[in-house]
Amino acid sequence: MATVKQVLKAKSDASVHTIDAEASVHEAVALMSKAEVGALVVTVGDTVCGIVTERDYARKVILQDKASRTTTVCEIMTAPVMSASLWTPTDECMMLMTQHRIRHLPVIEGGRLVGMVSIGDMVRHLIEEQEFAIDQLENYVRGPRPDMPTCALTRRSPIPQTLAARFV
């Protein structure tokens, strides 16, 4: 089973964006917009104390008519934050995210923030694993003569002409 470490390794941008708990919500939203991310890890010094997301902003600032320039991140952040370690299996992350309806998991190893995985990262990894399994099964079914047509048809490869004629 794959781990969070493998998912992080495959990410094109593994940077984690953080914001201080006493920063304004306006600063947090501006940072999310600039970095094109949907969540920031909230810190006090080097300690992770929560997470703030676009959803937090919508529900706890906009819908409650609060001012984003005077409201602090610690007032709207989600805490305590759920997290994963580098060795957490990907299926466990998916289960956590699904059960708790969250989209982002900070990755904490040895008390240090080392990454962040999103539901998109998890889905991308799952698709890659499934494509690999399909390729392996197709190779197994084809055997030592990959040029010969088989009945193993997938949406990723065209139907061999000899079989295509049978379906018309």
C-alpha atoms as a PDB file:
ATOM      1  CA  MET A   1       0.000   0.000   0.000  1.00  0.00           C
ATOM      2  CA  ALA A   2       1.220   3.471  -0.890  1.00  0.00           C
ATOM      3  CA  THR A   3       2.028   6.060   1.758  1.00  0.00           C
ATOM      4  CA  VAL A   4       1.722   9.828   2.042  1.00  0.00           C
ATOM      5  CA  LYS A   5       5.484  10.051   1.467  1.00  0.00           C
ATOM      6  CA  GLN A   6       5.012   8.660  -2.072  1.00  0.00           C
ATOM      7  CA  VAL A   7       2.164  11.084  -2.794  1.00  0.00           C
ATOM      8  CA  LEU A   8       4.257  14.052  -1.652  1.00  0.00           C
ATOM      9  CA  LYS A   9       7.201  12.875  -3.737  1.00  0.00           C
ATOM     10  CA  ALA A  10       5.000  12.834  -6.867  1.00  0.00           C
ATOM     11  CA  LYS A  11       3.629  16.355  -6.359  1.00  0.00           C
ATOM     12  CA  SER A  12       4.949  18.978  -8.763  1.00  0.00           C
ATOM     13  CA  ASP A  13       4.788  21.652  -6.048  1.00  0.00           C
ATOM     14  CA  ALA A  14       5.296  20.259  -2.565  1.00  0.00           C
ATOM     15  CA  SER A  15       5.477  23.647  -0.850  1.00  0.00           C
ATOM     16  CA  VAL A  16       3.227  24.218   2.154  1.00  0.00           C
ATOM     17  CA  HIS A  17       1.766  27.640   2.776  1.00  0.00           C
ATOM     18  CA  THR A  18       1.416  28.752   6.372  1.00  0.00           C
ATOM     19  CA  ILE A  19       0.030  31.782   8.135  1.00  0.00           C
ATOM     20  CA  ASP A  20       0.375  33.081  11.671  1.00  0.00           C
ATOM     21  CA  ALA A  21      -2.664  32.644  13.913  1.00  0.00           C
ATOM     22  CA  GLU A  22      -2.794  36.391  14.623  1.00  0.00           C
ATOM     23  CA  ALA A  23      -2.812  37.432  10.944  1.00  0.00           C
ATOM     24  CA  SER A  24      -6.014  38.882   9.555  1.00  0.00           C
ATOM     25  CA  VAL A  25      -8.415  36.769   7.541  1.00  0.00           C
ATOM     26  CA  HIS A  26      -7.906  39.243   4.687  1.00  0.00           C
ATOM     27  CA  GLU A  27      -4.183  38.384   4.668  1.00  0.00           C
ATOM     28  CA  ALA A  28      -5.024  34.669   4.660  1.00  0.00           C
ATOM     29  CA  VAL A  29      -7.425  34.977   1.725  1.00  0.00           C
ATOM     30  CA  ALA A  30      -4.915  37.126  -0.178  1.00  0.00           C
ATOM     31  CA  LEU A  31      -2.199  34.501   0.390  1.00  0.00           C
ATOM     32  CA  MET A  32      -4.497  31.660  -0.689  1.00  0.00           C
ATOM     33  CA  SER A  33      -5.371  33.586  -3.836  1.00  0.00           C
ATOM     34  CA  LYS A  34      -1.754  34.426  -4.659  1.00  0.00           C
ATOM     35  CA  ALA A  35      -0.550  30.852  -4.026  1.00  0.00           C
ATOM     36  CA  GLU A  36      -3.622  29.360  -5.745  1.00  0.00           C
ATOM     37  CA  VAL A  37      -4.362  27.050  -2.807  1.00  0.00           C
ATOM     38  CA  GLY A  38      -7.530  26.341  -0.864  1.00  0.00           C
ATOM     39  CA  ALA A  39      -6.030  26.024   2.613  1.00  0.00           C
ATOM     40  CA  LEU A  40      -3.266  27.355   4.817  1.00  0.00           C
ATOM     41  CA  VAL A  41      -1.716  25.707   7.842  1.00  0.00           C
ATOM     42  CA  VAL A  42      -2.044  28.014  10.843  1.00  0.00           C
ATOM     43  CA  THR A  43       1.013  28.306  13.065  1.00  0.00           C
ATOM     44  CA  VAL A  44       2.178  29.933  16.252  1.00  0.00           C
ATOM     45  CA  GLY A  45       5.931  30.037  15.889  1.00  0.00           C
ATOM     46  CA  ASP A  46       6.874  26.605  14.545  1.00  0.00           C
ATOM     47  CA  THR A  47       3.859  24.858  16.075  1.00  0.00           C
ATOM     48  CA  VAL A  48       0.868  23.861  13.948  1.00  0.00           C
ATOM     49  CA  CYS A  49      -2.289  24.961  15.726  1.00  0.00           C
ATOM     50  CA  GLY A  50      -4.962  24.722  13.036  1.00  0.00           C
ATOM     51  CA  ILE A  51      -5.926  25.038   9.409  1.00  0.00           C
ATOM     52  CA  VAL A  52      -7.881  27.748   7.627  1.00  0.00           C
ATOM     53  CA  THR A  53      -9.691  27.044   4.376  1.00  0.00           C
ATOM     54  CA  GLU A  54     -11.823  28.837   1.836  1.00  0.00           C
ATOM     55  CA  ARG A  55     -14.768  27.004   3.395  1.00  0.00           C
ATOM     56  CA  ASP A  56     -13.932  28.506   6.823  1.00  0.00           C
ATOM     57  CA  TYR A  57     -13.873  31.950   5.245  1.00  0.00           C
ATOM     58  CA  ALA A  58     -17.230  31.478   3.534  1.00  0.00           C
ATOM     59  CA  ARG A  59     -18.995  30.057   6.578  1.00  0.00           C
ATOM     60  CA  LYS A  60     -17.378  31.975   9.425  1.00  0.00           C
ATOM     61  CA  VAL A  61     -16.745  35.386   7.900  1.00  0.00           C
ATOM     62  CA  ILE A  62     -18.977  36.032   4.893  1.00  0.00           C
ATOM     63  CA  LEU A  63     -22.131  34.340   6.212  1.00  0.00           C
ATOM     64  CA  GLN A  64     -21.691  35.916   9.654  1.00  0.00           C
ATOM     65  CA  ASP A  65     -21.066  39.414   8.271  1.00  0.00           C
ATOM     66  CA  LYS A  66     -17.638  39.698   9.894  1.00  0.00           C
ATOM     67  CA  ALA A  67     -14.962  42.025   8.563  1.00  0.00           C
ATOM     68  CA  SER A  68     -12.064  40.110   7.045  1.00  0.00           C
ATOM     69  CA  ARG A  69      -9.562  42.891   7.828  1.00  0.00           C
ATOM     70  CA  THR A  70     -10.311  42.892  11.572  1.00  0.00           C
ATOM     71  CA  THR A  71     -11.041  39.199  12.124  1.00  0.00           C
ATOM     72  CA  THR A  72      -7.986  37.097  12.953  1.00  0.00           C
ATOM     73  CA  VAL A  73      -7.231  33.700  11.495  1.00  0.00           C
ATOM     74  CA  CYS A  74      -7.350  32.056  14.941  1.00  0.00           C
ATOM     75  CA  GLU A  75     -10.999  33.151  15.265  1.00  0.00           C
ATOM     76  CA  ILE A  76     -12.106  31.141  12.233  1.00  0.00           C
ATOM     77  CA  MET A  77      -9.522  28.349  11.871  1.00  0.00           C
ATOM     78  CA  THR A  78     -10.397  24.708  12.313  1.00  0.00           C
ATOM     79  CA  ALA A  79      -8.652  23.293  15.377  1.00  0.00           C
ATOM     80  CA  PRO A  80      -7.450  20.858  16.423  1.00  0.00           C
ATOM     81  CA  VAL A  81      -6.189  19.995  12.984  1.00  0.00           C
ATOM     82  CA  MET A  82      -6.335  16.453  11.620  1.00  0.00           C
ATOM     83  CA  SER A  83      -3.016  15.399  10.163  1.00  0.00           C
ATOM     84  CA  ALA A  84      -1.117  12.515   8.644  1.00  0.00           C
ATOM     85  CA  SER A  85       2.465  11.317   8.894  1.00  0.00           C
ATOM     86  CA  LEU A  86       4.763  10.384   6.027  1.00  0.00           C
ATOM     87  CA  TRP A  87       4.008   6.720   6.730  1.00  0.00           C
ATOM     88  CA  THR A  88       0.207   6.995   6.802  1.00  0.00           C
ATOM     89  CA  PRO A  89      -1.290   4.730   4.116  1.00  0.00           C
ATOM     90  CA  THR A  90      -3.124   6.592   1.354  1.00  0.00           C
ATOM     91  CA  ASP A  91      -6.331   4.629   1.904  1.00  0.00           C
ATOM     92  CA  GLU A  92      -6.339   5.742   5.546  1.00  0.00           C
ATOM     93  CA  CYS A  93      -6.015   9.379   4.405  1.00  0.00           C
ATOM     94  CA  MET A  94      -8.912   8.951   1.990  1.00  0.00           C
ATOM     95  CA  MET A  95     -11.021   7.432   4.762  1.00  0.00           C
ATOM     96  CA  LEU A  96     -10.163  10.296   7.149  1.00  0.00           C
ATOM     97  CA  MET A  97     -10.957  12.930   4.535  1.00  0.00           C
ATOM     98  CA  THR A  98     -14.231  11.272   3.572  1.00  0.00           C
ATOM     99  CA  GLN A  99     -15.459  10.632   7.120  1.00  0.00           C
ATOM    100  CA  HIS A 100     -14.656  14.138   8.340  1.00  0.00           C
ATOM    101  CA  ARG A 101     -15.519  15.928   5.083  1.00  0.00           C
ATOM    102  CA  ILE A 102     -12.167  17.646   4.831  1.00  0.00           C
ATOM    103  CA  ARG A 103     -10.115  18.371   1.738  1.00  0.00           C
ATOM    104  CA  HIS A 104      -6.636  18.994   3.147  1.00  0.00           C
ATOM    105  CA  LEU A 105      -4.360  17.107   5.548  1.00  0.00           C
ATOM    106  CA  PRO A 106      -1.153  18.637   6.866  1.00  0.00           C
ATOM    107  CA  VAL A 107       1.675  16.094   7.027  1.00  0.00           C
ATOM    108  CA  ILE A 108       3.516  16.248  10.326  1.00  0.00           C
ATOM    109  CA  GLU A 109       6.595  14.181  11.079  1.00  0.00           C
ATOM    110  CA  GLY A 110       8.472  14.435  14.357  1.00  0.00           C
ATOM    111  CA  GLY A 111       6.428  17.479  15.377  1.00  0.00           C
ATOM    112  CA  ARG A 112       7.467  19.310  12.178  1.00  0.00           C
ATOM    113  CA  LEU A 113       5.241  20.300   9.264  1.00  0.00           C
ATOM    114  CA  VAL A 114       6.685  18.539   6.204  1.00  0.00           C
ATOM    115  CA  GLY A 115       3.884  18.766   3.641  1.00  0.00           C
ATOM    116  CA  MET A 116       0.212  18.958   2.797  1.00  0.00           C
ATOM    117  CA  VAL A 117      -1.953  16.548   0.823  1.00  0.00           C
ATOM    118  CA  SER A 118      -5.325  17.364  -0.683  1.00  0.00           C
ATOM    119  CA  ILE A 119      -8.194  15.179  -1.771  1.00  0.00           C
ATOM    120  CA  GLY A 120      -7.085  15.961  -5.341  1.00  0.00           C
ATOM    121  CA  ASP A 121      -3.619  14.560  -4.604  1.00  0.00           C
ATOM    122  CA  MET A 122      -5.198  11.414  -3.192  1.00  0.00           C
ATOM    123  CA  VAL A 123      -7.521  10.913  -6.172  1.00  0.00           C
ATOM    124  CA  ARG A 124      -4.675  11.508  -8.643  1.00  0.00           C
ATOM    125  CA  HIS A 125      -2.564   8.910  -6.854  1.00  0.00           C
ATOM    126  CA  LEU A 126      -5.441   6.398  -6.782  1.00  0.00           C
ATOM    127  CA  ILE A 127      -5.992   6.820 -10.544  1.00  0.00           C
ATOM    128  CA  GLU A 128      -2.275   6.283 -11.206  1.00  0.00           C
ATOM    129  CA  GLU A 129      -2.310   3.108  -9.096  1.00  0.00           C
ATOM    130  CA  GLN A 130      -5.357   1.800 -10.967  1.00  0.00           C
ATOM    131  CA  GLU A 131      -3.838   2.584 -14.372  1.00  0.00           C
ATOM    132  CA  PHE A 132      -0.681   0.715 -13.350  1.00  0.00           C
ATOM    133  CA  ALA A 133      -2.748  -2.304 -12.234  1.00  0.00           C
ATOM    134  CA  ILE A 134      -4.690  -2.262 -15.520  1.00  0.00           C
ATOM    135  CA  ASP A 135      -1.459  -2.143 -17.518  1.00  0.00           C
ATOM    136  CA  GLN A 136      -0.037  -5.055 -15.524  1.00  0.00           C
ATOM    137  CA  LEU A 137      -3.195  -7.133 -16.042  1.00  0.00           C
ATOM    138  CA  GLU A 138      -3.243  -6.371 -19.762  1.00  0.00           C
ATOM    139  CA  ASN A 139       0.395  -7.448 -20.061  1.00  0.00           C
ATOM    140  CA  TYR A 140      -0.397 -10.635 -18.161  1.00  0.00           C
ATOM    141  CA  VAL A 141      -3.375 -11.433 -20.395  1.00  0.00           C
ATOM    142  CA  ARG A 142      -1.437 -10.722 -23.597  1.00  0.00           C
ATOM    143  CA  GLY A 143       1.443 -12.926 -22.489  1.00  0.00           C
ATOM    144  CA  PRO A 144       4.687 -13.192 -24.443  1.00  0.00           C
ATOM    145  CA  ARG A 145       3.059 -12.056 -27.741  1.00  0.00           C
ATOM    146  CA  PRO A 146       1.875  -8.449 -27.136  1.00  0.00           C
ATOM    147  CA  ASP A 147       1.218  -7.981 -30.877  1.00  0.00           C
ATOM    148  CA  MET A 148      -1.590 -10.570 -30.847  1.00  0.00           C
ATOM    149  CA  PRO A 149      -5.168  -9.279 -30.266  1.00  0.00           C
ATOM    150  CA  THR A 150      -6.881 -10.325 -27.055  1.00  0.00           C
ATOM    151  CA  CYS A 151     -10.274  -9.948 -25.496  1.00  0.00           C
ATOM    152  CA  ALA A 152      -8.836  -7.644 -22.837  1.00  0.00           C
ATOM    153  CA  LEU A 153     -10.268  -4.326 -23.927  1.00  0.00           C
ATOM    154  CA  THR A 154      -9.871  -1.085 -22.057  1.00  0.00           C
ATOM    155  CA  ARG A 155     -10.958   2.434 -22.814  1.00  0.00           C
ATOM    156  CA  ARG A 156      -7.312   3.469 -23.010  1.00  0.00           C
ATOM    157  CA  SER A 157      -6.408   1.283 -25.984  1.00  0.00           C
ATOM    158  CA  PRO A 158      -8.243   1.070 -29.306  1.00  0.00           C
ATOM    159  CA  ILE A 159     -10.098  -2.109 -30.200  1.00  0.00           C
ATOM    160  CA  PRO A 160      -7.923  -4.255 -32.469  1.00  0.00           C
ATOM    161  CA  GLN A 161      -9.286  -4.297 -36.040  1.00  0.00           C
ATOM    162  CA  THR A 162      -9.913  -8.055 -35.966  1.00  0.00           C
ATOM    163  CA  LEU A 163     -12.192  -7.643 -32.944  1.00  0.00           C
ATOM    164  CA  ALA A 164     -13.714  -4.351 -34.045  1.00  0.00           C
ATOM    165  CA  ALA A 165     -15.226  -5.995 -37.127  1.00  0.00           C
ATOM    166  CA  ARG A 166     -17.112  -8.458 -34.886  1.00  0.00           C
ATOM    167  CA  PHE A 167     -18.886  -5.674 -32.987  1.00  0.00           C
ATOM    168  CA  VAL A 168     -20.296  -3.865 -36.019  1.00  0.00           C
END
